[in-house]
Amino acid sequence: MNTINKYFTPLLKKVLNYSLSKIIFAVLIYVLVGIICFTLIPKAFMPKIDERRFVLNVTMPPDTPLEITNATSKRIERLIAGYNEYWIFQ
């Protein structure tokens, strides 16, 4: 509480003595600086992605043996490889 009385109270009294036009001007300056800083920060809603890739999720029962899972994956890969648009990216 002593820190508030020591620093904040004198500052508040000083600010309240300013005219309304000076306070509005200071707020406008801060808003303009904020807008300028916001426009300079790089941002992207959706990052650019390599559109030639896709993800395929295959759902199998939890107790499926590994051999069947591998065979199914290989079969899907062969099916996809049959298309002309298929590329392997390494």
Protein backbone atom coordinates (compact mmCIF):
# COMPACT_ATOMS: atom_id res chain seq x y z
CA MET A 1 0.00 0.00 0.00
CA ASN A 2 2.93 2.31 0.70
CA THR A 3 4.23 1.78 -2.85
CA ILE A 4 0.87 2.78 -4.30
CA ASN A 5 0.80 5.96 -2.23
CA LYS A 6 4.40 6.71 -3.12
CA TYR A 7 4.27 6.22 -6.92
CA PHE A 8 0.76 5.78 -8.24
CA THR A 9 -1.09 8.52 -6.37
CA PRO A 10 1.23 11.37 -7.49
CA LEU A 11 1.16 10.05 -11.06
CA LEU A 12 -2.63 9.84 -11.03
CA LYS A 13 -2.94 13.38 -9.69
CA LYS A 14 -0.59 14.66 -12.38
CA VAL A 15 -2.49 12.89 -15.18
CA LEU A 16 -5.86 14.11 -13.92
CA ASN A 17 -4.59 17.68 -14.14
CA TYR A 18 -4.07 17.32 -17.92
CA SER A 19 -6.72 18.67 -20.22
CA LEU A 20 -9.03 16.25 -21.99
CA SER A 21 -7.53 17.10 -25.38
CA LYS A 22 -4.04 16.07 -24.21
CA ILE A 23 -5.34 12.76 -22.88
CA ILE A 24 -7.23 12.02 -26.13
CA PHE A 25 -4.13 12.95 -28.14
CA ALA A 26 -1.96 10.58 -26.09
CA VAL A 27 -4.48 7.74 -26.46
CA LEU A 28 -4.65 8.32 -30.24
CA ILE A 29 -0.85 8.20 -30.47
CA TYR A 30 -0.80 4.88 -28.58
CA VAL A 31 -3.56 3.47 -30.80
CA LEU A 32 -1.75 4.54 -33.97
CA VAL A 33 1.51 3.01 -32.77
CA GLY A 34 -0.36 -0.19 -31.95
CA ILE A 35 -1.96 -0.32 -35.41
CA ILE A 36 1.38 0.29 -37.11
CA CYS A 37 3.07 -2.42 -35.05
CA PHE A 38 0.21 -4.83 -35.75
CA THR A 39 0.51 -4.33 -39.50
CA LEU A 40 4.27 -4.92 -39.42
CA ILE A 41 4.03 -8.27 -37.62
CA PRO A 42 3.88 -11.15 -40.12
CA LYS A 43 0.78 -13.27 -39.71
CA ALA A 44 -1.05 -16.00 -41.58
CA PHE A 45 -4.40 -17.58 -40.85
CA MET A 46 -3.53 -20.75 -42.74
CA PRO A 47 0.17 -21.39 -43.32
CA LYS A 48 1.21 -22.22 -46.85
CA ILE A 49 1.45 -25.95 -47.42
CA ASP A 50 2.67 -28.16 -50.21
CA GLU A 51 -0.60 -28.89 -51.95
CA ARG A 52 0.71 -31.98 -53.70
CA ARG A 53 0.65 -33.95 -50.46
CA PHE A 54 -2.20 -35.44 -48.55
CA VAL A 55 -2.77 -37.57 -45.48
CA LEU A 56 -4.74 -40.77 -45.54
CA ASN A 57 -5.92 -42.24 -42.24
CA VAL A 58 -6.81 -45.91 -42.29
CA THR A 59 -8.80 -47.19 -39.34
CA MET A 60 -8.66 -50.88 -38.55
CA PRO A 61 -9.85 -52.84 -35.53
CA PRO A 62 -7.45 -52.59 -32.56
CA ASP A 63 -6.67 -56.31 -32.58
CA THR A 64 -5.64 -56.41 -36.26
CA PRO A 65 -2.35 -58.31 -36.69
CA LEU A 66 0.66 -56.35 -37.88
CA GLU A 67 0.97 -58.46 -41.03
CA ILE A 68 -2.55 -57.54 -42.14
CA THR A 69 -1.94 -53.88 -41.33
CA ASN A 70 1.28 -53.87 -43.39
CA ALA A 71 -0.41 -55.72 -46.27
CA THR A 72 -3.27 -53.20 -46.28
CA SER A 73 -0.83 -50.28 -46.24
CA LYS A 74 1.16 -51.75 -49.15
CA ARG A 75 -2.06 -52.33 -51.12
CA ILE A 76 -3.15 -48.71 -50.60
CA GLU A 77 0.32 -47.49 -51.63
CA ARG A 78 0.13 -49.57 -54.84
CA LEU A 79 -3.31 -48.17 -55.62
CA ILE A 80 -2.13 -44.60 -55.14
CA ALA A 81 1.06 -45.23 -57.12
CA GLY A 82 -1.10 -46.15 -60.12
CA TYR A 83 -2.14 -42.53 -60.62
CA ASN A 84 -0.04 -40.26 -62.84
CA GLU A 85 -0.11 -37.47 -60.25
CA TYR A 86 1.62 -39.62 -57.65
CA TRP A 87 5.11 -38.48 -56.64
CA ILE A 88 7.39 -39.73 -53.90
CA PHE A 89 8.92 -36.87 -51.95
CA GLN A 90 11.94 -37.64 -49.86
